[in-house]
Amino acid sequence: DSPLPKGTLILSGSFNPLHKGHIRLGQAAQKVVKEFDDKQTENKAKESALRPVIFEISFQNPDKGEIGNEEAQKRVKQFADAVDGPWPVVLSTSSLFSKKAKLFPGCWFVVGADTAIRIVDPKYYGNSKLAMYTEIMRLYDAGIRFVVGARVTSSGSLETVTTIKEAVKALDPEIWEGISKCFIEIPESEFRLDISSTQIRQNEK
């Protein structure tokens, strides 16, 4: 069984360091998902409650390597003093979303568009676009969704769900038609992230 209630919003990251963009992304996801839930409810007179947001730090990252216990605890402590906090945090050893979904069944994942692009990248599925499609559809059938916020890259380009759509359609238009329902977009008017933890670390040098 999942240690978290079904429908919990999970925002995964390295949080090295945590910054206000992470918090704002979680809050924007809550608002957008509430609007989504309100549209789905049969009782239009009753508003849906905000879903809880929990931040997840993985000891392993497919692109950034592993972190030790001491470093993990240091990053966890950031959430106690964060804006509008303290915020709940969980630690895991799950590096890929396919594994996170098994650890937190029925939860939805909040991601930046740069992370969402990696979710649809066949290289994480044995370089197979069919395996990518099959896995994302499996997640969809298991009740998993990805709530995606806009992200400005280091080169200054803006990545959104449209960026993901174009990347997948370049592989196979029919694949996007199938997996598009797994992605819920946070409008740019609600959130966009123009700074990264990497940039903050570089500025501190």
N, C-alpha and C. Protein backbone atom coordinates (compact mmCIF):
# COMPACT_ATOMS: atom_id res chain seq x y z
N ASP A 1 0.84 -1.20 0.00
CA ASP A 1 0.00 0.00 0.00
C ASP A 1 0.88 1.25 0.00
N SER A 2 0.35 2.32 -0.60
CA SER A 2 1.08 3.57 -0.63
C SER A 2 1.07 4.21 0.76
N PRO A 3 2.19 4.80 1.17
CA PRO A 3 2.21 5.52 2.45
C PRO A 3 1.47 6.85 2.39
N LEU A 4 1.03 7.24 1.18
CA LEU A 4 0.38 8.53 0.97
C LEU A 4 -1.04 8.33 0.47
N PRO A 5 -1.95 9.26 0.81
CA PRO A 5 -3.33 9.15 0.32
C PRO A 5 -3.38 9.21 -1.21
N LYS A 6 -4.29 8.46 -1.78
CA LYS A 6 -4.47 8.48 -3.23
C LYS A 6 -4.80 9.89 -3.69
N GLY A 7 -4.17 10.31 -4.79
CA GLY A 7 -4.41 11.65 -5.31
C GLY A 7 -3.46 12.71 -4.79
N THR A 8 -2.59 12.33 -3.85
CA THR A 8 -1.59 13.28 -3.35
C THR A 8 -0.72 13.79 -4.50
N LEU A 9 -0.37 15.05 -4.46
CA LEU A 9 0.51 15.63 -5.45
C LEU A 9 1.95 15.52 -4.95
N ILE A 10 2.80 14.88 -5.72
CA ILE A 10 4.19 14.67 -5.33
C ILE A 10 5.09 15.47 -6.25
N LEU A 11 5.92 16.31 -5.64
CA LEU A 11 6.87 17.11 -6.40
C LEU A 11 8.26 16.57 -6.11
N SER A 12 8.81 15.86 -7.08
CA SER A 12 10.11 15.22 -6.92
C SER A 12 11.23 16.14 -7.40
N GLY A 13 12.38 16.04 -6.76
CA GLY A 13 13.52 16.84 -7.19
C GLY A 13 14.73 16.60 -6.32
N SER A 14 15.84 17.22 -6.71
CA SER A 14 17.05 17.13 -5.89
C SER A 14 17.07 18.23 -4.84
N PHE A 15 16.41 19.38 -5.14
CA PHE A 15 16.28 20.50 -4.20
C PHE A 15 17.64 20.90 -3.62
N ASN A 16 18.57 21.13 -4.52
CA ASN A 16 19.94 21.47 -4.14
C ASN A 16 20.38 22.80 -4.74
N PRO A 17 19.85 23.94 -4.19
CA PRO A 17 19.00 24.03 -2.99
C PRO A 17 17.52 24.13 -3.35
N LEU A 18 16.68 24.04 -2.32
CA LEU A 18 15.27 24.37 -2.46
C LEU A 18 15.15 25.87 -2.70
N HIS A 19 14.24 26.29 -3.60
CA HIS A 19 14.01 27.72 -3.80
C HIS A 19 12.51 27.98 -4.00
N LYS A 20 12.17 29.26 -4.02
CA LYS A 20 10.75 29.63 -4.04
C LYS A 20 10.03 29.10 -5.27
N GLY A 21 10.76 28.87 -6.37
CA GLY A 21 10.12 28.32 -7.56
C GLY A 21 9.53 26.94 -7.31
N HIS A 22 10.22 26.12 -6.50
CA HIS A 22 9.69 24.80 -6.17
C HIS A 22 8.37 24.91 -5.41
N ILE A 23 8.34 25.82 -4.43
CA ILE A 23 7.13 26.00 -3.64
C ILE A 23 6.00 26.53 -4.51
N ARG A 24 6.30 27.51 -5.32
CA ARG A 24 5.27 28.10 -6.19
C ARG A 24 4.74 27.08 -7.18
N LEU A 25 5.60 26.19 -7.66
CA LEU A 25 5.15 25.14 -8.58
C LEU A 25 4.15 24.23 -7.88
N GLY A 26 4.46 23.84 -6.64
CA GLY A 26 3.54 22.99 -5.90
C GLY A 26 2.20 23.67 -5.66
N GLN A 27 2.23 24.95 -5.31
CA GLN A 27 0.99 25.68 -5.06
C GLN A 27 0.18 25.89 -6.33
N ALA A 28 0.87 26.16 -7.45
CA ALA A 28 0.16 26.32 -8.73
C ALA A 28 -0.48 25.00 -9.14
N ALA A 29 0.21 23.91 -8.90
CA ALA A 29 -0.35 22.59 -9.23
C ALA A 29 -1.61 22.33 -8.41
N GLN A 30 -1.58 22.69 -7.13
CA GLN A 30 -2.77 22.52 -6.30
C GLN A 30 -3.97 23.25 -6.90
N LYS A 31 -3.75 24.49 -7.33
CA LYS A 31 -4.83 25.30 -7.88
C LYS A 31 -5.37 24.70 -9.18
N VAL A 32 -4.47 24.32 -10.07
CA VAL A 32 -4.89 23.79 -11.37
C VAL A 32 -5.60 22.44 -11.21
N VAL A 33 -5.09 21.60 -10.33
CA VAL A 33 -5.71 20.29 -10.12
C VAL A 33 -7.07 20.45 -9.44
N LYS A 34 -7.19 21.42 -8.55
CA LYS A 34 -8.50 21.67 -7.94
C LYS A 34 -9.52 22.06 -9.01
N GLU A 35 -9.12 22.91 -9.94
CA GLU A 35 -10.01 23.28 -11.03
C GLU A 35 -10.37 22.06 -11.87
N PHE A 36 -9.39 21.19 -12.09
CA PHE A 36 -9.63 19.94 -12.82
C PHE A 36 -10.63 19.07 -12.06
N ASP A 37 -10.42 18.92 -10.75
CA ASP A 37 -11.31 18.10 -9.93
C ASP A 37 -12.72 18.67 -9.89
N ASP A 38 -12.83 20.02 -9.83
CA ASP A 38 -14.15 20.65 -9.80
C ASP A 38 -14.94 20.32 -11.07
N LYS A 39 -14.26 20.23 -12.20
CA LYS A 39 -14.93 19.92 -13.46
C LYS A 39 -15.38 18.46 -13.51
N GLN A 40 -14.68 17.60 -12.75
CA GLN A 40 -15.00 16.18 -12.78
C GLN A 40 -16.11 15.79 -11.81
N THR A 41 -16.30 16.60 -10.76
CA THR A 41 -17.27 16.23 -9.74
C THR A 41 -18.70 16.34 -10.25
N GLU A 42 -19.54 15.44 -9.78
CA GLU A 42 -20.94 15.43 -10.21
C GLU A 42 -21.74 16.51 -9.48
N ASN A 43 -21.32 16.81 -8.25
CA ASN A 43 -22.02 17.84 -7.47
C ASN A 43 -21.37 19.19 -7.76
N LYS A 44 -21.89 19.92 -8.70
CA LYS A 44 -21.30 21.19 -9.13
C LYS A 44 -21.36 22.26 -8.05
N ALA A 45 -22.23 22.06 -7.07
CA ALA A 45 -22.37 23.05 -6.01
C ALA A 45 -21.31 22.88 -4.94
N LYS A 46 -20.60 21.75 -4.96
CA LYS A 46 -19.60 21.47 -3.93
C LYS A 46 -18.20 21.54 -4.55
N GLU A 47 -17.39 22.43 -4.01
CA GLU A 47 -16.03 22.56 -4.51
C GLU A 47 -15.14 21.44 -3.99
N SER A 48 -14.17 21.06 -4.81
CA SER A 48 -13.20 20.06 -4.39
C SER A 48 -12.20 20.70 -3.44
N ALA A 49 -11.64 19.89 -2.56
CA ALA A 49 -10.61 20.38 -1.64
C ALA A 49 -9.26 20.42 -2.36
N LEU A 50 -8.39 21.28 -1.88
CA LEU A 50 -7.03 21.28 -2.41
C LEU A 50 -6.35 19.97 -2.06
N ARG A 51 -5.70 19.37 -3.03
CA ARG A 51 -4.96 18.15 -2.74
C ARG A 51 -3.66 18.49 -2.00
N PRO A 52 -3.23 17.61 -1.10
CA PRO A 52 -1.97 17.87 -0.41
C PRO A 52 -0.77 17.75 -1.36
N VAL A 53 0.26 18.55 -1.08
CA VAL A 53 1.52 18.47 -1.83
C VAL A 53 2.60 17.94 -0.91
N ILE A 54 3.33 16.95 -1.42
CA ILE A 54 4.45 16.40 -0.67
C ILE A 54 5.68 16.41 -1.58
N PHE A 55 6.79 16.83 -1.04
CA PHE A 55 8.04 16.88 -1.81
C PHE A 55 8.80 15.57 -1.61
N GLU A 56 9.38 15.08 -2.69
CA GLU A 56 10.11 13.80 -2.63
C GLU A 56 11.54 13.99 -3.08
N ILE A 57 12.46 13.54 -2.26
CA ILE A 57 13.88 13.55 -2.59
C ILE A 57 14.33 12.11 -2.76
N SER A 58 14.91 11.82 -3.91
CA SER A 58 15.41 10.47 -4.16
C SER A 58 16.91 10.41 -3.91
N PHE A 59 17.35 9.33 -3.29
CA PHE A 59 18.78 9.12 -3.08
C PHE A 59 19.50 8.89 -4.41
N GLN A 60 18.73 8.54 -5.44
CA GLN A 60 19.31 8.25 -6.74
C GLN A 60 18.62 9.09 -7.81
N ASN A 61 19.40 9.54 -8.77
CA ASN A 61 18.89 10.30 -9.91
C ASN A 61 19.57 9.78 -11.17
N PRO A 62 18.78 9.45 -12.21
CA PRO A 62 19.39 8.87 -13.41
C PRO A 62 20.37 9.79 -14.11
N ASP A 63 20.28 11.10 -13.86
CA ASP A 63 21.17 12.05 -14.53
C ASP A 63 22.18 12.70 -13.58
N LYS A 64 21.87 12.71 -12.27
CA LYS A 64 22.71 13.44 -11.32
C LYS A 64 23.44 12.55 -10.32
N GLY A 65 23.23 11.25 -10.39
CA GLY A 65 23.94 10.34 -9.50
C GLY A 65 23.26 10.20 -8.14
N GLU A 66 24.02 9.70 -7.16
CA GLU A 66 23.49 9.41 -5.84
C GLU A 66 23.88 10.49 -4.83
N ILE A 67 23.09 10.58 -3.76
CA ILE A 67 23.43 11.46 -2.65
C ILE A 67 23.49 10.61 -1.38
N GLY A 68 24.30 11.01 -0.43
CA GLY A 68 24.44 10.27 0.81
C GLY A 68 23.41 10.68 1.85
N ASN A 69 23.38 9.95 2.96
CA ASN A 69 22.42 10.21 4.03
C ASN A 69 22.57 11.62 4.61
N GLU A 70 23.81 12.01 4.85
CA GLU A 70 24.04 13.33 5.45
C GLU A 70 23.55 14.45 4.55
N GLU A 71 23.82 14.35 3.25
CA GLU A 71 23.38 15.37 2.30
C GLU A 71 21.86 15.35 2.18
N ALA A 72 21.27 14.16 2.19
CA ALA A 72 19.81 14.06 2.09
C ALA A 72 19.14 14.75 3.28
N GLN A 73 19.64 14.53 4.48
CA GLN A 73 19.07 15.16 5.66
C GLN A 73 19.22 16.68 5.62
N LYS A 74 20.34 17.14 5.08
CA LYS A 74 20.57 18.58 4.93
C LYS A 74 19.52 19.19 4.02
N ARG A 75 19.19 18.49 2.94
CA ARG A 75 18.19 19.02 2.01
C ARG A 75 16.79 18.97 2.61
N VAL A 76 16.51 17.94 3.40
CA VAL A 76 15.20 17.84 4.05
C VAL A 76 14.95 19.02 4.97
N LYS A 77 15.98 19.43 5.70
CA LYS A 77 15.84 20.51 6.67
C LYS A 77 15.41 21.83 6.04
N GLN A 78 15.69 21.99 4.74
CA GLN A 78 15.31 23.24 4.06
C GLN A 78 13.80 23.49 4.10
N PHE A 79 13.03 22.41 4.10
CA PHE A 79 11.57 22.54 3.98
C PHE A 79 10.91 23.04 5.26
N ALA A 80 11.61 22.95 6.38
CA ALA A 80 11.04 23.41 7.65
C ALA A 80 10.91 24.93 7.66
N ASP A 81 11.84 25.62 7.01
CA ASP A 81 11.85 27.08 7.03
C ASP A 81 11.41 27.69 5.69
N ALA A 82 10.90 26.87 4.79
CA ALA A 82 10.51 27.36 3.46
C ALA A 82 9.25 28.23 3.55
N VAL A 83 9.06 29.09 2.54
CA VAL A 83 7.90 29.96 2.50
C VAL A 83 6.62 29.13 2.57
N ASP A 84 5.68 29.61 3.40
CA ASP A 84 4.39 28.94 3.62
C ASP A 84 4.55 27.54 4.21
N GLY A 85 5.74 27.24 4.72
CA GLY A 85 6.02 25.93 5.28
C GLY A 85 5.68 25.85 6.76
N PRO A 86 6.08 24.76 7.42
CA PRO A 86 6.91 23.70 6.85
C PRO A 86 6.14 22.81 5.89
N TRP A 87 6.89 22.20 4.95
CA TRP A 87 6.30 21.33 3.95
C TRP A 87 6.72 19.88 4.21
N PRO A 88 5.81 18.93 4.00
CA PRO A 88 6.16 17.53 4.21
C PRO A 88 7.11 17.01 3.13
N VAL A 89 8.03 16.15 3.53
CA VAL A 89 9.03 15.60 2.62
C VAL A 89 9.12 14.10 2.84
N VAL A 90 9.29 13.35 1.75
CA VAL A 90 9.58 11.93 1.84
C VAL A 90 10.89 11.64 1.11
N LEU A 91 11.59 10.62 1.56
CA LEU A 91 12.82 10.17 0.91
C LEU A 91 12.56 8.83 0.26
N SER A 92 13.16 8.61 -0.89
CA SER A 92 13.01 7.33 -1.57
C SER A 92 14.29 6.97 -2.30
N THR A 93 14.33 5.75 -2.79
CA THR A 93 15.46 5.31 -3.62
C THR A 93 15.02 5.11 -5.06
N SER A 94 13.83 5.62 -5.38
CA SER A 94 13.27 5.44 -6.73
C SER A 94 13.73 6.58 -7.64
N SER A 95 14.52 6.24 -8.65
CA SER A 95 15.07 7.27 -9.53
C SER A 95 14.18 7.57 -10.72
N LEU A 96 13.41 6.60 -11.18
CA LEU A 96 12.57 6.77 -12.36
C LEU A 96 11.10 6.84 -11.96
N PHE A 97 10.30 7.55 -12.75
CA PHE A 97 8.89 7.71 -12.41
C PHE A 97 8.13 6.39 -12.50
N SER A 98 8.61 5.47 -13.31
CA SER A 98 7.97 4.16 -13.37
C SER A 98 8.07 3.46 -12.01
N LYS A 99 9.19 3.70 -11.31
CA LYS A 99 9.38 3.12 -9.97
C LYS A 99 8.66 3.94 -8.91
N LYS A 100 8.66 5.26 -9.07
CA LYS A 100 7.96 6.12 -8.12
C LYS A 100 6.46 5.79 -8.13
N ALA A 101 5.93 5.50 -9.31
CA ALA A 101 4.50 5.22 -9.43
C ALA A 101 4.11 3.95 -8.67
N LYS A 102 5.04 3.00 -8.60
CA LYS A 102 4.77 1.77 -7.84
C LYS A 102 4.87 2.03 -6.35
N LEU A 103 5.77 2.95 -5.98
CA LEU A 103 5.94 3.28 -4.57
C LEU A 103 4.78 4.13 -4.05
N PHE A 104 4.25 5.01 -4.94
CA PHE A 104 3.16 5.91 -4.55
C PHE A 104 1.97 5.73 -5.50
N PRO A 105 1.32 4.59 -5.48
CA PRO A 105 0.22 4.34 -6.43
C PRO A 105 -0.93 5.32 -6.26
N GLY A 106 -1.45 5.77 -7.39
CA GLY A 106 -2.60 6.67 -7.37
C GLY A 106 -2.26 8.11 -7.11
N CYS A 107 -0.97 8.42 -6.90
CA CYS A 107 -0.57 9.80 -6.69
C CYS A 107 -0.26 10.47 -8.03
N TRP A 108 -0.34 11.78 -8.05
CA TRP A 108 -0.01 12.55 -9.25
C TRP A 108 1.33 13.25 -9.04
N PHE A 109 2.09 13.37 -10.12
CA PHE A 109 3.43 13.94 -10.01
C PHE A 109 3.49 15.33 -10.63
N VAL A 110 4.03 16.26 -9.87
CA VAL A 110 4.18 17.64 -10.33
C VAL A 110 5.61 17.81 -10.85
N VAL A 111 5.74 18.24 -12.10
CA VAL A 111 7.07 18.33 -12.72
C VAL A 111 7.19 19.60 -13.55
N GLY A 112 8.43 20.04 -13.74
CA GLY A 112 8.69 21.09 -14.70
C GLY A 112 8.71 20.48 -16.10
N ALA A 113 8.53 21.33 -17.11
CA ALA A 113 8.49 20.82 -18.48
C ALA A 113 9.79 20.13 -18.87
N ASP A 114 10.92 20.58 -18.30
CA ASP A 114 12.20 19.95 -18.63
C ASP A 114 12.23 18.50 -18.14
N THR A 115 11.62 18.25 -16.99
CA THR A 115 11.53 16.87 -16.49
C THR A 115 10.53 16.07 -17.31
N ALA A 116 9.41 16.68 -17.68
CA ALA A 116 8.40 15.98 -18.47
C ALA A 116 8.96 15.52 -19.82
N ILE A 117 9.86 16.32 -20.39
CA ILE A 117 10.48 15.93 -21.66
C ILE A 117 11.31 14.66 -21.48
N ARG A 118 11.95 14.54 -20.32
CA ARG A 118 12.72 13.31 -20.07
C ARG A 118 11.80 12.12 -19.87
N ILE A 119 10.61 12.36 -19.34
CA ILE A 119 9.65 11.27 -19.14
C ILE A 119 9.26 10.63 -20.46
N VAL A 120 9.22 11.42 -21.53
CA VAL A 120 8.82 10.89 -22.84
C VAL A 120 10.04 10.59 -23.73
N ASP A 121 11.23 10.62 -23.16
CA ASP A 121 12.45 10.35 -23.93
C ASP A 121 12.69 8.84 -24.00
N PRO A 122 12.68 8.25 -25.19
CA PRO A 122 12.87 6.80 -25.33
C PRO A 122 14.17 6.27 -24.73
N LYS A 123 15.16 7.14 -24.54
CA LYS A 123 16.45 6.64 -24.02
C LYS A 123 16.32 6.07 -22.62
N TYR A 124 15.27 6.48 -21.89
CA TYR A 124 15.04 5.94 -20.55
C TYR A 124 14.21 4.66 -20.60
N TYR A 125 13.90 4.21 -21.79
CA TYR A 125 13.10 3.00 -21.98
C TYR A 125 13.79 2.06 -22.95
N GLY A 126 15.10 1.97 -22.82
CA GLY A 126 15.85 1.09 -23.71
C GLY A 126 15.87 1.56 -25.14
N ASN A 127 15.77 2.91 -25.34
CA ASN A 127 15.74 3.51 -26.68
C ASN A 127 14.58 2.99 -27.53
N SER A 128 13.48 2.68 -26.86
CA SER A 128 12.31 2.17 -27.57
C SER A 128 11.12 3.11 -27.37
N LYS A 129 10.63 3.70 -28.46
CA LYS A 129 9.46 4.57 -28.34
C LYS A 129 8.21 3.76 -27.99
N LEU A 130 8.17 2.50 -28.41
CA LEU A 130 7.04 1.65 -28.07
C LEU A 130 7.04 1.36 -26.57
N ALA A 131 8.21 1.10 -26.01
CA ALA A 131 8.30 0.84 -24.57
C ALA A 131 7.92 2.09 -23.79
N MET A 132 8.31 3.27 -24.29
CA MET A 132 7.93 4.51 -23.64
C MET A 132 6.42 4.67 -23.64
N TYR A 133 5.80 4.46 -24.79
CA TYR A 133 4.35 4.58 -24.92
C TYR A 133 3.63 3.58 -23.99
N THR A 134 4.10 2.36 -23.99
CA THR A 134 3.48 1.31 -23.19
C THR A 134 3.55 1.64 -21.70
N GLU A 135 4.71 2.13 -21.26
CA GLU A 135 4.89 2.44 -19.84
C GLU A 135 4.02 3.63 -19.41
N ILE A 136 3.98 4.68 -20.22
CA ILE A 136 3.18 5.85 -19.85
C ILE A 136 1.70 5.50 -19.85
N MET A 137 1.26 4.68 -20.78
CA MET A 137 -0.14 4.26 -20.78
C MET A 137 -0.44 3.37 -19.57
N ARG A 138 0.54 2.59 -19.15
CA ARG A 138 0.36 1.77 -17.95
C ARG A 138 0.17 2.68 -16.73
N LEU A 139 0.96 3.75 -16.68
CA LEU A 139 0.84 4.70 -15.58
C LEU A 139 -0.53 5.38 -15.61
N TYR A 140 -0.98 5.74 -16.81
CA TYR A 140 -2.28 6.38 -16.95
C TYR A 140 -3.39 5.46 -16.44
N ASP A 141 -3.33 4.20 -16.84
CA ASP A 141 -4.35 3.24 -16.41
C ASP A 141 -4.32 3.01 -14.91
N ALA A 142 -3.15 3.26 -14.30
CA ALA A 142 -3.01 3.10 -12.85
C ALA A 142 -3.42 4.37 -12.09
N GLY A 143 -3.91 5.38 -12.83
CA GLY A 143 -4.39 6.59 -12.19
C GLY A 143 -3.34 7.67 -12.01
N ILE A 144 -2.17 7.49 -12.61
CA ILE A 144 -1.08 8.46 -12.50
C ILE A 144 -1.26 9.57 -13.53
N ARG A 145 -1.01 10.81 -13.12
CA ARG A 145 -0.99 11.94 -14.04
C ARG A 145 0.25 12.78 -13.74
N PHE A 146 0.68 13.54 -14.76
CA PHE A 146 1.80 14.46 -14.59
C PHE A 146 1.27 15.89 -14.76
N VAL A 147 1.47 16.70 -13.74
CA VAL A 147 1.03 18.09 -13.76
C VAL A 147 2.26 18.92 -14.10
N VAL A 148 2.23 19.62 -15.23
CA VAL A 148 3.45 20.18 -15.82
C VAL A 148 3.45 21.70 -15.79
N GLY A 149 4.55 22.26 -15.24
CA GLY A 149 4.74 23.70 -15.21
C GLY A 149 5.75 24.14 -16.24
N ALA A 150 5.58 25.36 -16.77
CA ALA A 150 6.49 25.90 -17.78
C ALA A 150 7.87 26.14 -17.16
N ARG A 151 8.89 25.97 -17.98
CA ARG A 151 10.26 26.12 -17.50
C ARG A 151 11.11 26.83 -18.55
N VAL A 152 11.85 27.84 -18.11
CA VAL A 152 12.79 28.52 -19.00
C VAL A 152 14.15 27.84 -18.87
N THR A 153 14.72 27.42 -19.99
CA THR A 153 15.99 26.71 -19.97
C THR A 153 17.16 27.69 -19.81
N SER A 154 18.34 27.14 -19.60
CA SER A 154 19.53 27.97 -19.45
C SER A 154 19.83 28.78 -20.70
N SER A 155 19.33 28.32 -21.86
CA SER A 155 19.54 29.05 -23.11
C SER A 155 18.49 30.13 -23.35
N GLY A 156 17.48 30.18 -22.44
CA GLY A 156 16.46 31.21 -22.54
C GLY A 156 15.19 30.80 -23.25
N SER A 157 15.11 29.56 -23.72
CA SER A 157 13.89 29.10 -24.40
C SER A 157 12.87 28.61 -23.38
N LEU A 158 11.59 28.78 -23.71
CA LEU A 158 10.51 28.38 -22.82
C LEU A 158 10.01 26.99 -23.20
N GLU A 159 9.99 26.10 -22.21
CA GLU A 159 9.48 24.75 -22.43
C GLU A 159 8.14 24.59 -21.72
N THR A 160 7.17 24.03 -22.46
CA THR A 160 5.82 23.83 -21.94
C THR A 160 5.33 22.46 -22.39
N VAL A 161 4.07 22.17 -22.14
CA VAL A 161 3.49 20.92 -22.64
C VAL A 161 3.55 20.88 -24.17
N THR A 162 3.47 22.05 -24.80
CA THR A 162 3.58 22.10 -26.26
C THR A 162 4.95 21.59 -26.71
N THR A 163 5.99 21.89 -25.96
CA THR A 163 7.33 21.40 -26.26
C THR A 163 7.36 19.87 -26.21
N ILE A 164 6.70 19.32 -25.21
CA ILE A 164 6.62 17.86 -25.06
C ILE A 164 5.85 17.26 -26.24
N LYS A 165 4.75 17.90 -26.56
CA LYS A 165 3.91 17.44 -27.67
C LYS A 165 4.71 17.39 -28.96
N GLU A 166 5.47 18.44 -29.25
CA GLU A 166 6.26 18.49 -30.48
C GLU A 166 7.34 17.42 -30.49
N ALA A 167 7.98 17.18 -29.33
CA ALA A 167 9.03 16.17 -29.24
C ALA A 167 8.47 14.78 -29.50
N VAL A 168 7.30 14.48 -28.94
CA VAL A 168 6.70 13.16 -29.12
C VAL A 168 6.17 12.99 -30.54
N LYS A 169 5.54 14.03 -31.07
CA LYS A 169 5.02 13.94 -32.42
C LYS A 169 6.13 13.73 -33.45
N ALA A 170 7.34 14.24 -33.15
CA ALA A 170 8.47 14.01 -34.04
C ALA A 170 8.84 12.54 -34.07
N LEU A 171 8.55 11.84 -32.98
CA LEU A 171 8.79 10.39 -32.93
C LEU A 171 7.67 9.63 -33.63
N ASP A 172 6.45 9.99 -33.26
CA ASP A 172 5.28 9.30 -33.82
C ASP A 172 4.03 10.05 -33.37
N PRO A 173 3.31 10.71 -34.28
CA PRO A 173 2.11 11.47 -33.91
C PRO A 173 1.06 10.66 -33.16
N GLU A 174 0.95 9.38 -33.49
CA GLU A 174 -0.06 8.55 -32.85
C GLU A 174 0.26 8.31 -31.37
N ILE A 175 1.54 8.31 -31.04
CA ILE A 175 1.93 8.11 -29.64
C ILE A 175 1.42 9.27 -28.79
N TRP A 176 1.59 10.51 -29.30
CA TRP A 176 1.11 11.66 -28.53
C TRP A 176 -0.39 11.62 -28.35
N GLU A 177 -1.12 11.19 -29.36
CA GLU A 177 -2.58 11.11 -29.24
C GLU A 177 -2.96 10.20 -28.09
N GLY A 178 -2.14 9.17 -27.85
CA GLY A 178 -2.44 8.24 -26.76
C GLY A 178 -2.05 8.76 -25.39
N ILE A 179 -0.85 9.33 -25.28
CA ILE A 179 -0.34 9.68 -23.96
C ILE A 179 -0.67 11.11 -23.52
N SER A 180 -1.22 11.93 -24.40
CA SER A 180 -1.46 13.34 -24.07
C SER A 180 -2.36 13.50 -22.84
N LYS A 181 -3.29 12.58 -22.65
CA LYS A 181 -4.23 12.68 -21.53
C LYS A 181 -3.56 12.44 -20.18
N CYS A 182 -2.30 11.99 -20.22
CA CYS A 182 -1.57 11.75 -18.98
C CYS A 182 -0.93 13.04 -18.44
N PHE A 183 -0.94 14.11 -19.26
CA PHE A 183 -0.27 15.36 -18.90
C PHE A 183 -1.28 16.49 -18.72
N ILE A 184 -1.22 17.15 -17.58
CA ILE A 184 -2.10 18.28 -17.29
C ILE A 184 -1.22 19.53 -17.20
N GLU A 185 -1.53 20.53 -17.99
CA GLU A 185 -0.68 21.71 -18.06
C GLU A 185 -1.07 22.77 -17.04
N ILE A 186 -0.06 23.31 -16.37
CA ILE A 186 -0.25 24.50 -15.56
C ILE A 186 -0.04 25.70 -16.48
N PRO A 187 -1.04 26.52 -16.71
CA PRO A 187 -0.88 27.65 -17.64
C PRO A 187 0.29 28.55 -17.23
N GLU A 188 0.95 29.11 -18.21
CA GLU A 188 2.07 30.00 -17.94
C GLU A 188 1.64 31.19 -17.08
N SER A 189 0.37 31.58 -17.21
CA SER A 189 -0.14 32.69 -16.40
C SER A 189 -0.17 32.35 -14.92
N GLU A 190 -0.20 31.05 -14.63
CA GLU A 190 -0.22 30.59 -13.24
C GLU A 190 1.18 30.31 -12.71
N PHE A 191 2.07 29.86 -13.61
CA PHE A 191 3.42 29.53 -13.16
C PHE A 191 4.37 29.39 -14.34
N ARG A 192 5.58 29.92 -14.15
CA ARG A 192 6.71 29.61 -15.02
C ARG A 192 7.98 29.78 -14.19
N LEU A 193 8.93 28.91 -14.41
CA LEU A 193 10.15 28.90 -13.61
C LEU A 193 11.31 29.41 -14.44
N ASP A 194 11.89 30.53 -14.00
CA ASP A 194 12.98 31.15 -14.75
C ASP A 194 14.34 30.96 -14.10
N ILE A 195 14.37 30.24 -12.98
CA ILE A 195 15.65 30.01 -12.30
C ILE A 195 15.71 28.56 -11.84
N SER A 196 16.91 28.03 -11.78
CA SER A 196 17.09 26.64 -11.37
C SER A 196 18.03 26.57 -10.18
N SER A 197 18.03 25.43 -9.51
CA SER A 197 18.96 25.22 -8.40
C SER A 197 20.40 25.30 -8.89
N THR A 198 20.63 24.83 -10.12
CA THR A 198 21.98 24.89 -10.69
C THR A 198 22.45 26.32 -10.80
N GLN A 199 21.58 27.21 -11.30
CA GLN A 199 21.94 28.62 -11.43
C GLN A 199 22.23 29.25 -10.08
N ILE A 200 21.44 28.88 -9.07
CA ILE A 200 21.67 29.43 -7.72
C ILE A 200 23.04 28.99 -7.20
N ARG A 201 23.37 27.73 -7.40
CA ARG A 201 24.68 27.24 -6.94
C ARG A 201 25.81 27.96 -7.65
N GLN A 202 25.63 28.19 -8.95
CA GLN A 202 26.66 28.88 -9.72
C GLN A 202 26.83 30.32 -9.27
N ASN A 203 25.72 30.97 -8.91
CA ASN A 203 25.78 32.36 -8.46
C ASN A 203 26.44 32.51 -7.09
N GLU A 204 26.41 31.39 -6.33
CA GLU A 204 26.99 31.44 -4.99
C GLU A 204 28.50 31.23 -5.00
N LYS A 205 29.04 30.80 -6.15
CA LYS A 205 30.48 30.54 -6.24
C LYS A 205 31.27 31.84 -6.26
